[in-house]
């Protein structure tokens, strides 16, 4: 079972990567350090609610998106799925669409 701290960290990482931001870029946006963001993302550090609000605002997501314990837990328990999503989010939009088309064609072919 993933602990809540790790789940929040994983969600921060997911939303940060979806914006193609480095940990330093997010840290700059909230007035912190990249190493602090790294510790949050790895679930090594508890996050204060005000910091979480700042992170949500910087990433342009609802704070509730970071707090909900829902489908992301499933993804986080399956590292190959989580790592695939992370890799895709690190790509530009054109490449993401191409990856989707390739996967869709491969996985729906003659089923």
PDB file of N, CA and C in Angstrom:
ATOM      1  N   UNK A   1       0.841  -1.192   0.000  1.00  0.00           N
ATOM      2  CA  UNK A   1       0.000   0.000   0.000  1.00  0.00           C
ATOM      3  C   UNK A   1       0.883   1.250   0.000  1.00  0.00           C
ATOM      4  N   UNK A   2       0.597   2.151  -0.885  1.00  0.00           N
ATOM      5  CA  UNK A   2       1.336   3.401  -0.987  1.00  0.00           C
ATOM      6  C   UNK A   2       0.885   4.327   0.134  1.00  0.00           C
ATOM      7  N   UNK A   3       1.842   4.955   0.813  1.00  0.00           N
ATOM      8  CA  UNK A   3       1.408   5.887   1.849  1.00  0.00           C
ATOM      9  C   UNK A   3       1.005   7.214   1.216  1.00  0.00           C
ATOM     10  N   UNK A   4       0.238   7.970   1.970  1.00  0.00           N
ATOM     11  CA  UNK A   4      -0.351   9.204   1.456  1.00  0.00           C
ATOM     12  C   UNK A   4       0.724  10.202   1.033  1.00  0.00           C
ATOM     13  N   UNK A   5       1.790  10.272   1.781  1.00  0.00           N
ATOM     14  CA  UNK A   5       2.898  11.175   1.472  1.00  0.00           C
ATOM     15  C   UNK A   5       3.495  10.851   0.098  1.00  0.00           C
ATOM     16  N   UNK A   6       3.693   9.559  -0.179  1.00  0.00           N
ATOM     17  CA  UNK A   6       4.238   9.133  -1.470  1.00  0.00           C
ATOM     18  C   UNK A   6       3.253   9.416  -2.599  1.00  0.00           C
ATOM     19  N   UNK A   7       1.970   9.230  -2.341  1.00  0.00           N
ATOM     20  CA  UNK A   7       0.951   9.479  -3.356  1.00  0.00           C
ATOM     21  C   UNK A   7       0.911  10.953  -3.743  1.00  0.00           C
ATOM     22  N   UNK A   8       0.949  11.833  -2.757  1.00  0.00           N
ATOM     23  CA  UNK A   8       0.973  13.276  -3.047  1.00  0.00           C
ATOM     24  C   UNK A   8       2.230  13.625  -3.842  1.00  0.00           C
ATOM     25  N   UNK A   9       3.361  13.079  -3.427  1.00  0.00           N
ATOM     26  CA  UNK A   9       4.617  13.332  -4.143  1.00  0.00           C
ATOM     27  C   UNK A   9       4.556  12.865  -5.582  1.00  0.00           C
ATOM     28  N   UNK A  10       3.973  11.695  -5.787  1.00  0.00           N
ATOM     29  CA  UNK A  10       3.852  11.158  -7.146  1.00  0.00           C
ATOM     30  C   UNK A  10       2.948  12.044  -7.994  1.00  0.00           C
ATOM     31  N   UNK A  11       1.895  12.558  -7.395  1.00  0.00           N
ATOM     32  CA  UNK A  11       0.991  13.438  -8.142  1.00  0.00           C
ATOM     33  C   UNK A  11       1.670  14.760  -8.480  1.00  0.00           C
ATOM     34  N   UNK A  12       2.436  15.289  -7.541  1.00  0.00           N
ATOM     35  CA  UNK A  12       3.184  16.517  -7.829  1.00  0.00           C
ATOM     36  C   UNK A  12       4.108  16.272  -9.017  1.00  0.00           C
ATOM     37  N   UNK A  13       4.822  15.144  -9.002  1.00  0.00           N
ATOM     38  CA  UNK A  13       5.728  14.801 -10.103  1.00  0.00           C
ATOM     39  C   UNK A  13       4.951  14.698 -11.424  1.00  0.00           C
ATOM     40  N   UNK A  14       3.828  14.009 -11.405  1.00  0.00           N
ATOM     41  CA  UNK A  14       3.032  13.817 -12.612  1.00  0.00           C
ATOM     42  C   UNK A  14       2.589  15.157 -13.201  1.00  0.00           C
ATOM     43  N   UNK A  15       2.028  16.023 -12.370  1.00  0.00           N
ATOM     44  CA  UNK A  15       1.565  17.319 -12.870  1.00  0.00           C
ATOM     45  C   UNK A  15       2.732  18.210 -13.285  1.00  0.00           C
ATOM     46  N   UNK A  16       3.851  18.124 -12.569  1.00  0.00           N
ATOM     47  CA  UNK A  16       5.032  18.915 -12.939  1.00  0.00           C
ATOM     48  C   UNK A  16       5.550  18.486 -14.311  1.00  0.00           C
ATOM     49  N   UNK A  17       5.655  17.187 -14.519  1.00  0.00           N
ATOM     50  CA  UNK A  17       6.152  16.685 -15.798  1.00  0.00           C
ATOM     51  C   UNK A  17       5.181  16.978 -16.936  1.00  0.00           C
ATOM     52  N   UNK A  18       3.894  17.021 -16.630  1.00  0.00           N
ATOM     53  CA  UNK A  18       2.918  17.328 -17.684  1.00  0.00           C
ATOM     54  C   UNK A  18       3.104  18.758 -18.200  1.00  0.00           C
ATOM     55  N   UNK A  19       3.721  19.615 -17.394  1.00  0.00           N
ATOM     56  CA  UNK A  19       4.031  20.983 -17.814  1.00  0.00           C
ATOM     57  C   UNK A  19       5.460  21.092 -18.354  1.00  0.00           C
ATOM     58  N   UNK A  20       6.166  19.948 -18.398  1.00  0.00           N
ATOM     59  CA  UNK A  20       7.571  19.928 -18.821  1.00  0.00           C
ATOM     60  C   UNK A  20       8.437  20.830 -17.947  1.00  0.00           C
ATOM     61  N   UNK A  21       8.150  20.866 -16.659  1.00  0.00           N
ATOM     62  CA  UNK A  21       8.917  21.661 -15.710  1.00  0.00           C
ATOM     63  C   UNK A  21       9.930  20.786 -14.992  1.00  0.00           C
ATOM     64  N   UNK A  22      11.065  21.363 -14.691  1.00  0.00           N
ATOM     65  CA  UNK A  22      12.033  20.704 -13.822  1.00  0.00           C
ATOM     66  C   UNK A  22      11.617  20.937 -12.372  1.00  0.00           C
ATOM     67  N   UNK A  23      12.259  20.208 -11.472  1.00  0.00           N
ATOM     68  CA  UNK A  23      12.006  20.445 -10.048  1.00  0.00           C
ATOM     69  C   UNK A  23      12.420  21.864  -9.680  1.00  0.00           C
ATOM     70  N   UNK A  24      13.497  22.346 -10.267  1.00  0.00           N
ATOM     71  CA  UNK A  24      13.953  23.710  -9.991  1.00  0.00           C
ATOM     72  C   UNK A  24      12.940  24.748 -10.466  1.00  0.00           C
ATOM     73  N   UNK A  25      12.318  24.499 -11.611  1.00  0.00           N
ATOM     74  CA  UNK A  25      11.322  25.447 -12.133  1.00  0.00           C
ATOM     75  C   UNK A  25      10.118  25.529 -11.195  1.00  0.00           C
ATOM     76  N   UNK A  26       9.639  24.386 -10.713  1.00  0.00           N
ATOM     77  CA  UNK A  26       8.525  24.392  -9.763  1.00  0.00           C
ATOM     78  C   UNK A  26       8.947  25.070  -8.464  1.00  0.00           C
ATOM     79  N   UNK A  27      10.144  24.759  -8.001  1.00  0.00           N
ATOM     80  CA  UNK A  27      10.648  25.373  -6.771  1.00  0.00           C
ATOM     81  C   UNK A  27      10.692  26.892  -6.897  1.00  0.00           C
ATOM     82  N   UNK A  28      11.163  27.367  -8.035  1.00  0.00           N
ATOM     83  CA  UNK A  28      11.227  28.808  -8.277  1.00  0.00           C
ATOM     84  C   UNK A  28       9.827  29.426  -8.221  1.00  0.00           C
ATOM     85  N   UNK A  29       8.860  28.717  -8.779  1.00  0.00           N
ATOM     86  CA  UNK A  29       7.486  29.230  -8.819  1.00  0.00           C
ATOM     87  C   UNK A  29       6.862  29.357  -7.432  1.00  0.00           C
ATOM     88  N   UNK A  30       7.340  28.538  -6.484  1.00  0.00           N
ATOM     89  CA  UNK A  30       6.763  28.596  -5.139  1.00  0.00           C
ATOM     90  C   UNK A  30       7.726  29.163  -4.105  1.00  0.00           C
ATOM     91  N   UNK A  31       8.894  29.614  -4.550  1.00  0.00           N
ATOM     92  CA  UNK A  31       9.859  30.199  -3.630  1.00  0.00           C
ATOM     93  C   UNK A  31      10.544  29.167  -2.747  1.00  0.00           C
ATOM     94  N   UNK A  32      10.939  28.066  -3.353  1.00  0.00           N
ATOM     95  CA  UNK A  32      11.570  26.986  -2.600  1.00  0.00           C
ATOM     96  C   UNK A  32      12.828  26.527  -3.334  1.00  0.00           C
ATOM     97  N   UNK A  33      13.271  25.297  -3.051  1.00  0.00           N
ATOM     98  CA  UNK A  33      14.454  24.751  -3.708  1.00  0.00           C
ATOM     99  C   UNK A  33      14.102  23.466  -4.445  1.00  0.00           C
ATOM    100  N   UNK A  34      14.881  23.153  -5.460  1.00  0.00           N
ATOM    101  CA  UNK A  34      14.669  21.928  -6.220  1.00  0.00           C
ATOM    102  C   UNK A  34      14.853  20.690  -5.364  1.00  0.00           C
ATOM    103  N   UNK A  35      15.782  20.744  -4.419  1.00  0.00           N
ATOM    104  CA  UNK A  35      15.996  19.576  -3.557  1.00  0.00           C
ATOM    105  C   UNK A  35      14.784  19.327  -2.664  1.00  0.00           C
ATOM    106  N   UNK A  36      14.119  20.386  -2.225  1.00  0.00           N
ATOM    107  CA  UNK A  36      12.900  20.235  -1.419  1.00  0.00           C
ATOM    108  C   UNK A  36      11.796  19.579  -2.252  1.00  0.00           C
ATOM    109  N   UNK A  37      11.632  20.034  -3.491  1.00  0.00           N
ATOM    110  CA  UNK A  37      10.629  19.440  -4.379  1.00  0.00           C
ATOM    111  C   UNK A  37      10.950  17.963  -4.594  1.00  0.00           C
ATOM    112  N   UNK A  38      12.206  17.641  -4.779  1.00  0.00           N
ATOM    113  CA  UNK A  38      12.626  16.254  -4.948  1.00  0.00           C
ATOM    114  C   UNK A  38      12.247  15.400  -3.745  1.00  0.00           C
ATOM    115  N   UNK A  39      12.471  15.928  -2.544  1.00  0.00           N
ATOM    116  CA  UNK A  39      12.111  15.175  -1.332  1.00  0.00           C
ATOM    117  C   UNK A  39      10.604  14.993  -1.234  1.00  0.00           C
ATOM    118  N   UNK A  40       9.842  16.017  -1.627  1.00  0.00           N
ATOM    119  CA  UNK A  40       8.371  15.887  -1.632  1.00  0.00           C
ATOM    120  C   UNK A  40       7.945  14.803  -2.612  1.00  0.00           C
ATOM    121  N   UNK A  41       8.497  14.852  -3.811  1.00  0.00           N
ATOM    122  CA  UNK A  41       8.100  13.905  -4.851  1.00  0.00           C
ATOM    123  C   UNK A  41       8.445  12.465  -4.489  1.00  0.00           C
ATOM    124  N   UNK A  42       9.498  12.266  -3.750  1.00  0.00           N
ATOM    125  CA  UNK A  42       9.887  10.914  -3.324  1.00  0.00           C
ATOM    126  C   UNK A  42       9.144  10.475  -2.068  1.00  0.00           C
ATOM    127  N   UNK A  43       8.318  11.356  -1.519  1.00  0.00           N
ATOM    128  CA  UNK A  43       7.569  11.022  -0.315  1.00  0.00           C
ATOM    129  C   UNK A  43       8.423  11.018   0.937  1.00  0.00           C
ATOM    130  N   UNK A  44       9.553  11.706   0.899  1.00  0.00           N
ATOM    131  CA  UNK A  44      10.477  11.735   2.031  1.00  0.00           C
ATOM    132  C   UNK A  44      10.160  12.863   3.011  1.00  0.00           C
ATOM    133  N   UNK A  45       9.321  13.781   2.606  1.00  0.00           N
ATOM    134  CA  UNK A  45       9.053  14.986   3.404  1.00  0.00           C
ATOM    135  C   UNK A  45       7.564  15.249   3.429  1.00  0.00           C
ATOM    136  N   UNK A  46       7.039  15.570   4.605  1.00  0.00           N
ATOM    137  CA  UNK A  46       5.648  16.005   4.698  1.00  0.00           C
ATOM    138  C   UNK A  46       5.525  17.404   4.115  1.00  0.00           C
ATOM    139  N   UNK A  47       4.412  17.656   3.489  1.00  0.00           N
ATOM    140  CA  UNK A  47       4.190  18.967   2.890  1.00  0.00           C
ATOM    141  C   UNK A  47       3.161  19.731   3.723  1.00  0.00           C
ATOM    142  N   UNK A  48       3.447  20.989   3.974  1.00  0.00           N
ATOM    143  CA  UNK A  48       2.489  21.843   4.683  1.00  0.00           C
ATOM    144  C   UNK A  48       1.369  22.203   3.724  1.00  0.00           C
ATOM    145  N   UNK A  49       0.178  22.408   4.261  1.00  0.00           N
ATOM    146  CA  UNK A  49      -0.991  22.695   3.423  1.00  0.00           C
ATOM    147  C   UNK A  49      -0.775  23.965   2.600  1.00  0.00           C
ATOM    148  N   UNK A  50      -0.154  24.989   3.175  1.00  0.00           N
ATOM    149  CA  UNK A  50       0.077  26.225   2.424  1.00  0.00           C
ATOM    150  C   UNK A  50       1.035  25.982   1.255  1.00  0.00           C
ATOM    151  N   UNK A  51       2.037  25.145   1.467  1.00  0.00           N
ATOM    152  CA  UNK A  51       2.962  24.800   0.384  1.00  0.00           C
ATOM    153  C   UNK A  51       2.233  24.021  -0.695  1.00  0.00           C
ATOM    154  N   UNK A  52       1.353  23.103  -0.291  1.00  0.00           N
ATOM    155  CA  UNK A  52       0.578  22.331  -1.256  1.00  0.00           C
ATOM    156  C   UNK A  52      -0.333  23.235  -2.081  1.00  0.00           C
ATOM    157  N   UNK A  53      -0.916  24.218  -1.442  1.00  0.00           N
ATOM    158  CA  UNK A  53      -1.751  25.195  -2.158  1.00  0.00           C
ATOM    159  C   UNK A  53      -0.894  25.941  -3.179  1.00  0.00           C
ATOM    160  N   UNK A  54       0.294  26.369  -2.780  1.00  0.00           N
ATOM    161  CA  UNK A  54       1.203  27.082  -3.697  1.00  0.00           C
ATOM    162  C   UNK A  54       1.595  26.199  -4.881  1.00  0.00           C
ATOM    163  N   UNK A  55       1.863  24.927  -4.608  1.00  0.00           N
ATOM    164  CA  UNK A  55       2.229  23.995  -5.675  1.00  0.00           C
ATOM    165  C   UNK A  55       1.063  23.818  -6.635  1.00  0.00           C
ATOM    166  N   UNK A  56      -0.132  23.624  -6.090  1.00  0.00           N
ATOM    167  CA  UNK A  56      -1.325  23.456  -6.938  1.00  0.00           C
ATOM    168  C   UNK A  56      -1.534  24.680  -7.818  1.00  0.00           C
ATOM    169  N   UNK A  57      -1.393  25.860  -7.246  1.00  0.00           N
ATOM    170  CA  UNK A  57      -1.560  27.097  -8.023  1.00  0.00           C
ATOM    171  C   UNK A  57      -0.507  27.205  -9.118  1.00  0.00           C
ATOM    172  N   UNK A  58       0.733  26.898  -8.785  1.00  0.00           N
ATOM    173  CA  UNK A  58       1.812  26.978  -9.773  1.00  0.00           C
ATOM    174  C   UNK A  58       1.578  25.991 -10.913  1.00  0.00           C
ATOM    175  N   UNK A  59       1.096  24.803 -10.577  1.00  0.00           N
ATOM    176  CA  UNK A  59       0.862  23.770 -11.595  1.00  0.00           C
ATOM    177  C   UNK A  59      -0.494  23.905 -12.276  1.00  0.00           C
ATOM    178  N   UNK A  60      -1.276  24.870 -11.809  1.00  0.00           N
ATOM    179  CA  UNK A  60      -2.603  25.151 -12.368  1.00  0.00           C
ATOM    180  C   UNK A  60      -3.528  23.934 -12.278  1.00  0.00           C
ATOM    181  N   UNK A  61      -3.528  23.316 -11.086  1.00  0.00           N
ATOM    182  CA  UNK A  61      -4.445  22.220 -10.798  1.00  0.00           C
ATOM    183  C   UNK A  61      -5.128  22.511  -9.470  1.00  0.00           C
ATOM    184  N   UNK A  62      -6.238  21.858  -9.249  1.00  0.00           N
ATOM    185  CA  UNK A  62      -6.936  21.987  -7.978  1.00  0.00           C
ATOM    186  C   UNK A  62      -6.133  21.291  -6.889  1.00  0.00           C
ATOM    187  N   UNK A  63      -6.144  21.872  -5.710  1.00  0.00           N
ATOM    188  CA  UNK A  63      -5.474  21.208  -4.588  1.00  0.00           C
ATOM    189  C   UNK A  63      -6.101  19.834  -4.352  1.00  0.00           C
ATOM    190  N   UNK A  64      -7.377  19.696  -4.670  1.00  0.00           N
ATOM    191  CA  UNK A  64      -8.051  18.416  -4.489  1.00  0.00           C
ATOM    192  C   UNK A  64      -7.489  17.342  -5.426  1.00  0.00           C
ATOM    193  N   UNK A  65      -6.987  17.766  -6.586  1.00  0.00           N
ATOM    194  CA  UNK A  65      -6.359  16.815  -7.511  1.00  0.00           C
ATOM    195  C   UNK A  65      -5.105  16.208  -6.872  1.00  0.00           C
ATOM    196  N   UNK A  66      -4.439  16.976  -6.023  1.00  0.00           N
ATOM    197  CA  UNK A  66      -3.250  16.478  -5.352  1.00  0.00           C
ATOM    198  C   UNK A  66      -3.587  15.639  -4.116  1.00  0.00           C
ATOM    199  N   UNK A  67      -4.762  15.870  -3.541  1.00  0.00           N
ATOM    200  CA  UNK A  67      -5.139  15.195  -2.296  1.00  0.00           C
ATOM    201  C   UNK A  67      -5.976  13.935  -2.493  1.00  0.00           C
ATOM    202  N   UNK A  68      -6.665  13.838  -3.608  1.00  0.00           N
ATOM    203  CA  UNK A  68      -7.553  12.691  -3.817  1.00  0.00           C
ATOM    204  C   UNK A  68      -6.774  11.382  -3.842  1.00  0.00           C
ATOM    205  N   UNK A  69      -7.343  10.387  -3.234  1.00  0.00           N
ATOM    206  CA  UNK A  69      -6.751   9.049  -3.215  1.00  0.00           C
ATOM    207  C   UNK A  69      -7.583   8.192  -4.158  1.00  0.00           C
ATOM    208  N   UNK A  70      -7.263   8.267  -5.442  1.00  0.00           N
ATOM    209  CA  UNK A  70      -8.095   7.604  -6.445  1.00  0.00           C
ATOM    210  C   UNK A  70      -7.258   6.775  -7.404  1.00  0.00           C
ATOM    211  N   UNK A  71      -7.505   6.873  -8.676  1.00  0.00           N
ATOM    212  CA  UNK A  71      -6.868   6.027  -9.674  1.00  0.00           C
ATOM    213  C   UNK A  71      -5.348   6.133  -9.712  1.00  0.00           C
ATOM    214  N   UNK A  72      -4.784   7.268  -9.309  1.00  0.00           N
ATOM    215  CA  UNK A  72      -3.332   7.388  -9.343  1.00  0.00           C
ATOM    216  C   UNK A  72      -2.672   6.358  -8.433  1.00  0.00           C
ATOM    217  N   UNK A  73      -3.365   5.952  -7.359  1.00  0.00           N
ATOM    218  CA  UNK A  73      -2.791   4.932  -6.481  1.00  0.00           C
ATOM    219  C   UNK A  73      -2.567   3.642  -7.270  1.00  0.00           C
ATOM    220  N   UNK A  74      -3.531   3.291  -8.113  1.00  0.00           N
ATOM    221  CA  UNK A  74      -3.385   2.108  -8.960  1.00  0.00           C
ATOM    222  C   UNK A  74      -2.154   2.256  -9.858  1.00  0.00           C
ATOM    223  N   UNK A  75      -2.015   3.419 -10.483  1.00  0.00           N
ATOM    224  CA  UNK A  75      -0.866   3.653 -11.358  1.00  0.00           C
ATOM    225  C   UNK A  75       0.444   3.575 -10.590  1.00  0.00           C
ATOM    226  N   UNK A  76       0.454   4.129  -9.396  1.00  0.00           N
ATOM    227  CA  UNK A  76       1.684   4.168  -8.617  1.00  0.00           C
ATOM    228  C   UNK A  76       2.100   2.773  -8.154  1.00  0.00           C
ATOM    229  N   UNK A  77       1.120   1.888  -7.971  1.00  0.00           N
ATOM    230  CA  UNK A  77       1.434   0.520  -7.552  1.00  0.00           C
ATOM    231  C   UNK A  77       1.995  -0.304  -8.697  1.00  0.00           C
ATOM    232  N   UNK A  78       1.856   0.156  -9.901  1.00  0.00           N
ATOM    233  CA  UNK A  78       2.361  -0.549 -11.074  1.00  0.00           C
ATOM    234  C   UNK A  78       3.429   0.350 -11.717  1.00  0.00           C
ATOM    235  N   UNK A  79       4.683   0.204 -11.283  1.00  0.00           N
ATOM    236  CA  UNK A  79       5.726   1.137 -11.717  1.00  0.00           C
ATOM    237  C   UNK A  79       5.907   1.208 -13.224  1.00  0.00           C
ATOM    238  N   UNK A  80       5.692   0.118 -13.947  1.00  0.00           N
ATOM    239  CA  UNK A  80       5.856   0.153 -15.393  1.00  0.00           C
ATOM    240  C   UNK A  80       4.797   1.042 -16.038  1.00  0.00           C
ATOM    241  N   UNK A  81       3.591   1.072 -15.485  1.00  0.00           N
ATOM    242  CA  UNK A  81       2.538   1.955 -16.003  1.00  0.00           C
ATOM    243  C   UNK A  81       2.882   3.394 -15.648  1.00  0.00           C
ATOM    244  N   UNK A  82       3.234   3.610 -14.388  1.00  0.00           N
ATOM    245  CA  UNK A  82       3.574   4.957 -13.922  1.00  0.00           C
ATOM    246  C   UNK A  82       4.751   5.524 -14.712  1.00  0.00           C
ATOM    247  N   UNK A  83       5.783   4.730 -14.914  1.00  0.00           N
ATOM    248  CA  UNK A  83       6.965   5.189 -15.659  1.00  0.00           C
ATOM    249  C   UNK A  83       6.622   5.465 -17.119  1.00  0.00           C
ATOM    250  N   UNK A  84       5.713   4.687 -17.692  1.00  0.00           N
ATOM    251  CA  UNK A  84       5.275   4.927 -19.072  1.00  0.00           C
ATOM    252  C   UNK A  84       4.561   6.266 -19.180  1.00  0.00           C
ATOM    253  N   UNK A  85       3.662   6.520 -18.245  1.00  0.00           N
ATOM    254  CA  UNK A  85       2.937   7.798 -18.241  1.00  0.00           C
ATOM    255  C   UNK A  85       3.927   8.948 -18.081  1.00  0.00           C
ATOM    256  N   UNK A  86       4.866   8.798 -17.179  1.00  0.00           N
ATOM    257  CA  UNK A  86       5.865   9.840 -16.950  1.00  0.00           C
ATOM    258  C   UNK A  86       6.687  10.102 -18.211  1.00  0.00           C
ATOM    259  N   UNK A  87       7.133   9.045 -18.881  1.00  0.00           N
ATOM    260  CA  UNK A  87       7.903   9.210 -20.116  1.00  0.00           C
ATOM    261  C   UNK A  87       7.100   9.930 -21.196  1.00  0.00           C
ATOM    262  N   UNK A  88       5.851   9.557 -21.324  1.00  0.00           N
ATOM    263  CA  UNK A  88       4.993  10.196 -22.334  1.00  0.00           C
ATOM    264  C   UNK A  88       4.813  11.671 -22.011  1.00  0.00           C
ATOM    265  N   UNK A  89       4.593  11.995 -20.744  1.00  0.00           N
ATOM    266  CA  UNK A  89       4.385  13.390 -20.359  1.00  0.00           C
ATOM    267  C   UNK A  89       5.621  14.252 -20.547  1.00  0.00           C
ATOM    268  N   UNK A  90       6.780  13.638 -20.610  1.00  0.00           N
ATOM    269  CA  UNK A  90       8.015  14.397 -20.823  1.00  0.00           C
ATOM    270  C   UNK A  90       8.205  14.797 -22.286  1.00  0.00           C
ATOM    271  N   UNK A  91       7.376  14.258 -23.166  1.00  0.00           N
ATOM    272  CA  UNK A  91       7.497  14.535 -24.592  1.00  0.00           C
ATOM    273  C   UNK A  91       6.656  15.755 -24.974  1.00  0.00           C
ATOM    274  N   UNK A  92       6.952  16.336 -26.130  1.00  0.00           N
ATOM    275  CA  UNK A  92       6.126  17.439 -26.602  1.00  0.00           C
ATOM    276  C   UNK A  92       4.776  16.882 -27.067  1.00  0.00           C
ATOM    277  N   UNK A  93       3.821  17.775 -27.262  1.00  0.00           N
ATOM    278  CA  UNK A  93       2.450  17.350 -27.575  1.00  0.00           C
ATOM    279  C   UNK A  93       2.370  16.538 -28.865  1.00  0.00           C
ATOM    280  N   UNK A  94       3.123  16.923 -29.871  1.00  0.00           N
ATOM    281  CA  UNK A  94       3.110  16.198 -31.142  1.00  0.00           C
ATOM    282  C   UNK A  94       3.553  14.746 -30.939  1.00  0.00           C
ATOM    283  N   UNK A  95       4.624  14.561 -30.179  1.00  0.00           N
ATOM    284  CA  UNK A  95       5.122  13.218 -29.902  1.00  0.00           C
ATOM    285  C   UNK A  95       4.135  12.429 -29.053  1.00  0.00           C
ATOM    286  N   UNK A  96       3.502  13.089 -28.084  1.00  0.00           N
ATOM    287  CA  UNK A  96       2.491  12.417 -27.250  1.00  0.00           C
ATOM    288  C   UNK A  96       1.355  11.874 -28.123  1.00  0.00           C
ATOM    289  N   UNK A  97       0.906  12.679 -29.065  1.00  0.00           N
ATOM    290  CA  UNK A  97      -0.179  12.243 -29.955  1.00  0.00           C
ATOM    291  C   UNK A  97       0.263  11.070 -30.826  1.00  0.00           C
ATOM    292  N   UNK A  98       1.506  11.104 -31.299  1.00  0.00           N
ATOM    293  CA  UNK A  98       2.023  10.012 -32.108  1.00  0.00           C
ATOM    294  C   UNK A  98       2.084   8.723 -31.278  1.00  0.00           C
ATOM    295  N   UNK A  99       2.563   8.827 -30.046  1.00  0.00           N
ATOM    296  CA  UNK A  99       2.633   7.662 -29.161  1.00  0.00           C
ATOM    297  C   UNK A  99       1.239   7.094 -28.933  1.00  0.00           C
ATOM    298  N   UNK A 100       0.284   7.966 -28.716  1.00  0.00           N
ATOM    299  CA  UNK A 100      -1.100   7.515 -28.518  1.00  0.00           C
ATOM    300  C   UNK A 100      -1.606   6.758 -29.744  1.00  0.00           C
ATOM    301  N   UNK A 101      -1.357   7.300 -30.930  1.00  0.00           N
ATOM    302  CA  UNK A 101      -1.818   6.641 -32.158  1.00  0.00           C
ATOM    303  C   UNK A 101      -1.179   5.263 -32.322  1.00  0.00           C
ATOM    304  N   UNK A 102       0.101   5.177 -32.038  1.00  0.00           N
ATOM    305  CA  UNK A 102       0.814   3.898 -32.169  1.00  0.00           C
ATOM    306  C   UNK A 102       0.248   2.903 -31.149  1.00  0.00           C
ATOM    307  N   UNK A 103       0.118   3.302 -29.916  1.00  0.00           N
ATOM    308  CA  UNK A 103      -0.418   2.401 -28.888  1.00  0.00           C
ATOM    309  C   UNK A 103      -1.850   1.997 -29.206  1.00  0.00           C
ATOM    310  N   UNK A 104      -2.629   2.947 -29.629  1.00  0.00           N
ATOM    311  CA  UNK A 104      -4.028   2.649 -29.966  1.00  0.00           C
ATOM    312  C   UNK A 104      -4.109   1.640 -31.091  1.00  0.00           C
ATOM    313  N   UNK A 105      -3.299   1.831 -32.117  1.00  0.00           N
ATOM    314  CA  UNK A 105      -3.291   0.887 -33.246  1.00  0.00           C
ATOM    315  C   UNK A 105      -2.826  -0.494 -32.800  1.00  0.00           C
ATOM    316  N   UNK A 106      -1.798  -0.542 -31.976  1.00  0.00           N
ATOM    317  CA  UNK A 106      -1.270  -1.829 -31.508  1.00  0.00           C
ATOM    318  C   UNK A 106      -2.259  -2.564 -30.610  1.00  0.00           C
ATOM    319  N   UNK A 107      -2.940  -1.844 -29.755  1.00  0.00           N
ATOM    320  CA  UNK A 107      -3.761  -2.482 -28.729  1.00  0.00           C
ATOM    321  C   UNK A 107      -5.204  -2.738 -29.157  1.00  0.00           C
ATOM    322  N   UNK A 108      -5.631  -2.146 -30.239  1.00  0.00           N
ATOM    323  CA  UNK A 108      -7.011  -2.358 -30.688  1.00  0.00           C
ATOM    324  C   UNK A 108      -7.089  -3.109 -32.011  1.00  0.00           C
ATOM    325  N   UNK A 109      -5.945  -3.493 -32.525  1.00  0.00           N
ATOM    326  CA  UNK A 109      -5.873  -4.182 -33.814  1.00  0.00           C
ATOM    327  C   UNK A 109      -6.599  -5.526 -33.763  1.00  0.00           C
ATOM    328  N   UNK A 110      -7.629  -5.678 -34.573  1.00  0.00           N
ATOM    329  CA  UNK A 110      -8.361  -6.937 -34.741  1.00  0.00           C
ATOM    330  C   UNK A 110      -8.771  -7.596 -33.436  1.00  0.00           C
ATOM    331  N   UNK A 111      -9.337  -6.835 -32.536  1.00  0.00           N
ATOM    332  CA  UNK A 111      -9.787  -7.439 -31.268  1.00  0.00           C
ATOM    333  C   UNK A 111     -11.254  -7.713 -31.298  1.00  0.00           C
TER     334      UNK A 111
END
